[in-house]
Amino acid sequence: MMKEFKNYEEFWPFYLTQHSKRSTRLWHFIGTSFVYVCIALAIIFGNAWFLLLAPVIAYGFAWISHFFIEGNKPATFGHPVWSLRADFQMYFYILSGKLNTELPKLETQNKIAK
């Protein structure tokens, strides 16, 4: 049974705890990067079928990392909309270097490992 959250701000720290291993976050980053590759391919080739590949590839990378690296159930299963939003937030936080300021907040609470 998934934990219930009142709002996204409450969900975000939980989401990060479900991505405690750096390699899990890397697999998510790669998968989310492919979303942009698929969008670019759809535009370049004028073929919307590439857009259907985006979630398959992104979720494939993410779920593999949860099952084989993190050893937990993806948050998407219980909170699909907030999880998608959090994935893109984590992606852009990684790109901008902001994730390094988010993780220590949780580490001090012994909730996540670097």
N, C-alpha and C. Protein backbone atom coordinates (compact mmCIF):
# COMPACT_ATOMS: atom_id res chain seq x y z
N MET A 1 0.84 -1.19 0.00
CA MET A 1 0.00 0.00 0.00
C MET A 1 0.88 1.25 0.00
N MET A 2 0.56 2.18 -0.88
CA MET A 2 1.35 3.40 -0.99
C MET A 2 0.94 4.41 0.07
N LYS A 3 1.91 5.16 0.50
CA LYS A 3 1.66 6.23 1.45
C LYS A 3 0.83 7.33 0.79
N GLU A 4 -0.03 7.95 1.58
CA GLU A 4 -0.86 9.05 1.08
C GLU A 4 -0.19 10.38 1.40
N PHE A 5 -0.33 11.32 0.50
CA PHE A 5 0.26 12.64 0.65
C PHE A 5 -0.82 13.69 0.46
N LYS A 6 -0.69 14.79 1.18
CA LYS A 6 -1.66 15.87 1.08
C LYS A 6 -1.42 16.73 -0.15
N ASN A 7 -0.14 16.85 -0.55
CA ASN A 7 0.20 17.72 -1.67
C ASN A 7 1.54 17.28 -2.27
N TYR A 8 1.89 17.93 -3.36
CA TYR A 8 3.13 17.58 -4.05
C TYR A 8 4.36 17.88 -3.19
N GLU A 9 4.30 18.98 -2.45
CA GLU A 9 5.44 19.37 -1.62
C GLU A 9 5.75 18.30 -0.57
N GLU A 10 4.74 17.60 -0.14
CA GLU A 10 4.93 16.49 0.80
C GLU A 10 5.44 15.24 0.07
N PHE A 11 5.03 15.09 -1.17
CA PHE A 11 5.44 13.93 -1.97
C PHE A 11 6.90 14.01 -2.39
N TRP A 12 7.40 15.20 -2.74
CA TRP A 12 8.75 15.37 -3.29
C TRP A 12 9.85 14.73 -2.42
N PRO A 13 9.90 14.98 -1.11
CA PRO A 13 10.93 14.32 -0.30
C PRO A 13 10.81 12.79 -0.33
N PHE A 14 9.57 12.29 -0.31
CA PHE A 14 9.36 10.85 -0.41
C PHE A 14 9.93 10.33 -1.74
N TYR A 15 9.65 11.05 -2.82
CA TYR A 15 10.13 10.65 -4.14
C TYR A 15 11.66 10.51 -4.12
N LEU A 16 12.32 11.48 -3.51
CA LEU A 16 13.78 11.41 -3.44
C LEU A 16 14.27 10.23 -2.62
N THR A 17 13.54 9.87 -1.57
CA THR A 17 13.95 8.71 -0.78
C THR A 17 13.83 7.42 -1.59
N GLN A 18 12.93 7.42 -2.57
CA GLN A 18 12.76 6.26 -3.42
C GLN A 18 13.81 6.19 -4.52
N HIS A 19 14.67 7.21 -4.57
CA HIS A 19 15.76 7.31 -5.54
C HIS A 19 17.05 7.59 -4.79
N SER A 20 17.31 6.80 -3.76
CA SER A 20 18.41 7.07 -2.85
C SER A 20 19.78 6.77 -3.46
N LYS A 21 19.82 5.89 -4.43
CA LYS A 21 21.10 5.51 -5.02
C LYS A 21 21.39 6.35 -6.25
N ARG A 22 22.62 6.78 -6.33
CA ARG A 22 23.02 7.63 -7.46
C ARG A 22 22.78 6.94 -8.80
N SER A 23 23.02 5.64 -8.86
CA SER A 23 22.83 4.91 -10.12
C SER A 23 21.35 4.88 -10.51
N THR A 24 20.46 4.84 -9.54
CA THR A 24 19.02 4.90 -9.86
C THR A 24 18.69 6.24 -10.50
N ARG A 25 19.21 7.30 -9.90
CA ARG A 25 18.97 8.64 -10.45
C ARG A 25 19.59 8.77 -11.84
N LEU A 26 20.74 8.15 -12.08
CA LEU A 26 21.37 8.18 -13.40
C LEU A 26 20.51 7.47 -14.44
N TRP A 27 19.97 6.31 -14.10
CA TRP A 27 19.11 5.59 -15.04
C TRP A 27 17.86 6.40 -15.36
N HIS A 28 17.30 7.08 -14.34
CA HIS A 28 16.16 7.95 -14.59
C HIS A 28 16.55 9.11 -15.51
N PHE A 29 17.69 9.67 -15.27
CA PHE A 29 18.16 10.79 -16.09
C PHE A 29 18.31 10.37 -17.55
N ILE A 30 18.90 9.20 -17.76
CA ILE A 30 19.06 8.70 -19.12
C ILE A 30 17.69 8.46 -19.76
N GLY A 31 16.79 7.82 -19.04
CA GLY A 31 15.45 7.56 -19.57
C GLY A 31 14.71 8.83 -19.92
N THR A 32 14.78 9.82 -19.04
CA THR A 32 14.10 11.09 -19.30
C THR A 32 14.76 11.83 -20.46
N SER A 33 16.06 11.69 -20.62
CA SER A 33 16.75 12.30 -21.77
C SER A 33 16.21 11.74 -23.08
N PHE A 34 15.87 10.46 -23.07
CA PHE A 34 15.32 9.85 -24.29
C PHE A 34 13.96 10.42 -24.65
N VAL A 35 13.24 10.97 -23.67
CA VAL A 35 11.97 11.64 -23.98
C VAL A 35 12.25 12.78 -24.96
N TYR A 36 13.27 13.54 -24.67
CA TYR A 36 13.62 14.67 -25.54
C TYR A 36 14.17 14.21 -26.88
N VAL A 37 14.89 13.10 -26.88
CA VAL A 37 15.37 12.52 -28.14
C VAL A 37 14.18 12.11 -29.00
N CYS A 38 13.21 11.46 -28.40
CA CYS A 38 12.01 11.03 -29.14
C CYS A 38 11.23 12.22 -29.68
N ILE A 39 11.12 13.27 -28.90
CA ILE A 39 10.44 14.48 -29.37
C ILE A 39 11.20 15.07 -30.56
N ALA A 40 12.51 15.13 -30.46
CA ALA A 40 13.32 15.67 -31.55
C ALA A 40 13.17 14.81 -32.81
N LEU A 41 13.20 13.50 -32.64
CA LEU A 41 13.04 12.60 -33.80
C LEU A 41 11.66 12.77 -34.44
N ALA A 42 10.63 12.94 -33.62
CA ALA A 42 9.28 13.14 -34.15
C ALA A 42 9.22 14.42 -34.98
N ILE A 43 9.89 15.45 -34.52
CA ILE A 43 9.90 16.71 -35.25
C ILE A 43 10.75 16.60 -36.52
N ILE A 44 11.93 16.04 -36.39
CA ILE A 44 12.86 15.92 -37.53
C ILE A 44 12.25 15.08 -38.66
N PHE A 45 11.66 13.94 -38.29
CA PHE A 45 11.13 13.03 -39.30
C PHE A 45 9.64 13.23 -39.56
N GLY A 46 9.03 14.14 -38.83
CA GLY A 46 7.60 14.38 -39.01
C GLY A 46 6.77 13.14 -38.74
N ASN A 47 7.20 12.37 -37.75
CA ASN A 47 6.54 11.10 -37.46
C ASN A 47 6.19 11.04 -35.97
N ALA A 48 4.92 11.15 -35.67
CA ALA A 48 4.47 11.18 -34.28
C ALA A 48 4.64 9.83 -33.57
N TRP A 49 4.90 8.78 -34.31
CA TRP A 49 5.10 7.47 -33.68
C TRP A 49 6.28 7.48 -32.72
N PHE A 50 7.25 8.35 -32.96
CA PHE A 50 8.38 8.46 -32.04
C PHE A 50 7.91 8.90 -30.65
N LEU A 51 6.83 9.67 -30.60
CA LEU A 51 6.31 10.13 -29.31
C LEU A 51 5.79 8.97 -28.47
N LEU A 52 5.32 7.92 -29.13
CA LEU A 52 4.85 6.75 -28.39
C LEU A 52 6.00 5.98 -27.74
N LEU A 53 7.18 6.12 -28.32
CA LEU A 53 8.35 5.46 -27.75
C LEU A 53 8.84 6.15 -26.48
N ALA A 54 8.59 7.44 -26.36
CA ALA A 54 9.13 8.21 -25.23
C ALA A 54 8.79 7.60 -23.87
N PRO A 55 7.51 7.36 -23.57
CA PRO A 55 7.23 6.79 -22.24
C PRO A 55 7.72 5.36 -22.09
N VAL A 56 7.72 4.60 -23.17
CA VAL A 56 8.20 3.21 -23.10
C VAL A 56 9.67 3.19 -22.71
N ILE A 57 10.47 4.01 -23.37
CA ILE A 57 11.90 4.06 -23.07
C ILE A 57 12.14 4.64 -21.69
N ALA A 58 11.50 5.77 -21.39
CA ALA A 58 11.73 6.44 -20.10
C ALA A 58 11.34 5.54 -18.93
N TYR A 59 10.13 4.98 -19.00
CA TYR A 59 9.70 4.10 -17.91
C TYR A 59 10.52 2.81 -17.88
N GLY A 60 10.95 2.35 -19.02
CA GLY A 60 11.80 1.15 -19.05
C GLY A 60 13.07 1.36 -18.25
N PHE A 61 13.77 2.46 -18.52
CA PHE A 61 14.99 2.77 -17.77
C PHE A 61 14.68 2.95 -16.28
N ALA A 62 13.62 3.69 -15.98
CA ALA A 62 13.28 3.98 -14.58
C ALA A 62 12.91 2.70 -13.83
N TRP A 63 12.06 1.88 -14.41
CA TRP A 63 11.60 0.70 -13.70
C TRP A 63 12.70 -0.34 -13.54
N ILE A 64 13.56 -0.46 -14.52
CA ILE A 64 14.71 -1.36 -14.37
C ILE A 64 15.55 -0.93 -13.18
N SER A 65 15.75 0.40 -13.05
CA SER A 65 16.57 0.88 -11.93
C SER A 65 15.89 0.61 -10.58
N HIS A 66 14.57 0.70 -10.54
CA HIS A 66 13.89 0.43 -9.27
C HIS A 66 13.95 -1.05 -8.92
N PHE A 67 13.70 -1.91 -9.89
CA PHE A 67 13.65 -3.34 -9.61
C PHE A 67 15.03 -3.95 -9.36
N PHE A 68 16.06 -3.50 -10.09
CA PHE A 68 17.36 -4.16 -10.01
C PHE A 68 18.43 -3.36 -9.27
N ILE A 69 18.26 -2.08 -9.08
CA ILE A 69 19.26 -1.27 -8.38
C ILE A 69 18.73 -0.82 -7.03
N GLU A 70 17.61 -0.12 -7.05
CA GLU A 70 17.06 0.46 -5.82
C GLU A 70 16.37 -0.60 -4.96
N GLY A 71 15.75 -1.58 -5.62
CA GLY A 71 15.08 -2.65 -4.89
C GLY A 71 13.75 -2.22 -4.27
N ASN A 72 13.05 -1.32 -4.96
CA ASN A 72 11.75 -0.88 -4.45
C ASN A 72 10.75 -0.79 -5.59
N LYS A 73 9.51 -0.50 -5.23
CA LYS A 73 8.46 -0.37 -6.22
C LYS A 73 8.42 1.08 -6.70
N PRO A 74 8.34 1.32 -8.01
CA PRO A 74 8.29 2.70 -8.52
C PRO A 74 7.12 3.49 -7.93
N ALA A 75 7.39 4.73 -7.57
CA ALA A 75 6.36 5.61 -7.02
C ALA A 75 5.24 5.85 -8.03
N THR A 76 5.55 5.65 -9.30
CA THR A 76 4.56 5.82 -10.37
C THR A 76 3.34 4.93 -10.15
N PHE A 77 3.54 3.77 -9.57
CA PHE A 77 2.45 2.83 -9.39
C PHE A 77 1.37 3.37 -8.45
N GLY A 78 1.77 4.19 -7.48
CA GLY A 78 0.81 4.72 -6.54
C GLY A 78 0.44 6.17 -6.75
N HIS A 79 1.37 6.90 -7.39
CA HIS A 79 1.19 8.35 -7.57
C HIS A 79 1.69 8.75 -8.96
N PRO A 80 0.98 8.36 -10.01
CA PRO A 80 1.50 8.56 -11.37
C PRO A 80 1.73 10.01 -11.78
N VAL A 81 0.84 10.90 -11.44
CA VAL A 81 0.98 12.30 -11.88
C VAL A 81 2.10 12.99 -11.11
N TRP A 82 2.09 12.85 -9.78
CA TRP A 82 3.13 13.48 -8.99
C TRP A 82 4.49 12.87 -9.29
N SER A 83 4.51 11.59 -9.57
CA SER A 83 5.76 10.92 -9.89
C SER A 83 6.35 11.44 -11.20
N LEU A 84 5.50 11.63 -12.19
CA LEU A 84 5.96 12.18 -13.47
C LEU A 84 6.51 13.59 -13.27
N ARG A 85 5.78 14.40 -12.52
CA ARG A 85 6.25 15.76 -12.23
C ARG A 85 7.59 15.72 -11.48
N ALA A 86 7.69 14.84 -10.50
CA ALA A 86 8.92 14.73 -9.71
C ALA A 86 10.09 14.25 -10.56
N ASP A 87 9.81 13.36 -11.51
CA ASP A 87 10.88 12.87 -12.38
C ASP A 87 11.47 14.02 -13.19
N PHE A 88 10.61 14.85 -13.75
CA PHE A 88 11.11 15.99 -14.51
C PHE A 88 11.78 17.02 -13.60
N GLN A 89 11.27 17.17 -12.38
CA GLN A 89 11.93 18.07 -11.43
C GLN A 89 13.32 17.55 -11.10
N MET A 90 13.43 16.25 -10.82
CA MET A 90 14.73 15.66 -10.52
C MET A 90 15.66 15.81 -11.72
N TYR A 91 15.14 15.60 -12.92
CA TYR A 91 15.93 15.72 -14.14
C TYR A 91 16.54 17.13 -14.25
N PHE A 92 15.69 18.15 -14.10
CA PHE A 92 16.20 19.52 -14.23
C PHE A 92 17.04 19.93 -13.04
N TYR A 93 16.79 19.37 -11.88
CA TYR A 93 17.66 19.63 -10.73
C TYR A 93 19.04 19.02 -10.96
N ILE A 94 19.09 17.86 -11.56
CA ILE A 94 20.38 17.25 -11.89
C ILE A 94 21.11 18.11 -12.90
N LEU A 95 20.40 18.52 -13.96
CA LEU A 95 21.01 19.37 -15.00
C LEU A 95 21.57 20.68 -14.43
N SER A 96 20.84 21.28 -13.52
CA SER A 96 21.23 22.59 -12.98
C SER A 96 22.13 22.50 -11.76
N GLY A 97 22.34 21.30 -11.25
CA GLY A 97 23.15 21.13 -10.04
C GLY A 97 22.38 21.38 -8.76
N LYS A 98 21.09 21.63 -8.85
CA LYS A 98 20.26 21.91 -7.67
C LYS A 98 19.98 20.66 -6.84
N LEU A 99 20.10 19.50 -7.45
CA LEU A 99 19.82 18.28 -6.69
C LEU A 99 20.80 18.14 -5.53
N ASN A 100 22.00 18.65 -5.72
CA ASN A 100 23.01 18.58 -4.66
C ASN A 100 22.61 19.38 -3.43
N THR A 101 21.68 20.32 -3.58
CA THR A 101 21.19 21.05 -2.40
C THR A 101 19.95 20.38 -1.81
N GLU A 102 19.25 19.59 -2.59
CA GLU A 102 18.07 18.88 -2.09
C GLU A 102 18.45 17.64 -1.29
N LEU A 103 19.42 16.89 -1.78
CA LEU A 103 19.77 15.63 -1.13
C LEU A 103 20.29 15.81 0.30
N PRO A 104 21.14 16.80 0.56
CA PRO A 104 21.62 16.95 1.94
C PRO A 104 20.50 17.23 2.94
N LYS A 105 19.42 17.86 2.51
CA LYS A 105 18.29 18.11 3.40
C LYS A 105 17.75 16.78 3.92
N LEU A 106 17.70 15.80 3.05
CA LEU A 106 17.18 14.49 3.45
C LEU A 106 18.23 13.66 4.16
N GLU A 107 19.49 13.83 3.77
CA GLU A 107 20.57 13.07 4.41
C GLU A 107 20.66 13.40 5.88
N THR A 108 20.43 14.65 6.23
CA THR A 108 20.49 15.04 7.65
C THR A 108 19.37 14.38 8.44
N GLN A 109 18.34 13.97 7.76
CA GLN A 109 17.24 13.27 8.40
C GLN A 109 17.41 11.75 8.28
N ASN A 110 18.60 11.32 7.80
CA ASN A 110 18.91 9.89 7.60
C ASN A 110 17.89 9.18 6.73
N LYS A 111 17.40 9.87 5.70
CA LYS A 111 16.39 9.28 4.82
C LYS A 111 16.96 8.85 3.48
N ILE A 112 18.12 9.35 3.11
CA ILE A 112 18.62 9.07 1.77
C ILE A 112 20.14 9.00 1.82
N ALA A 113 20.72 8.14 1.01
CA ALA A 113 22.17 8.02 0.90
C ALA A 113 22.64 8.67 -0.37
N LYS A 114 23.80 9.25 -0.32
CA LYS A 114 24.33 9.91 -1.52
C LYS A 114 24.78 8.94 -2.57
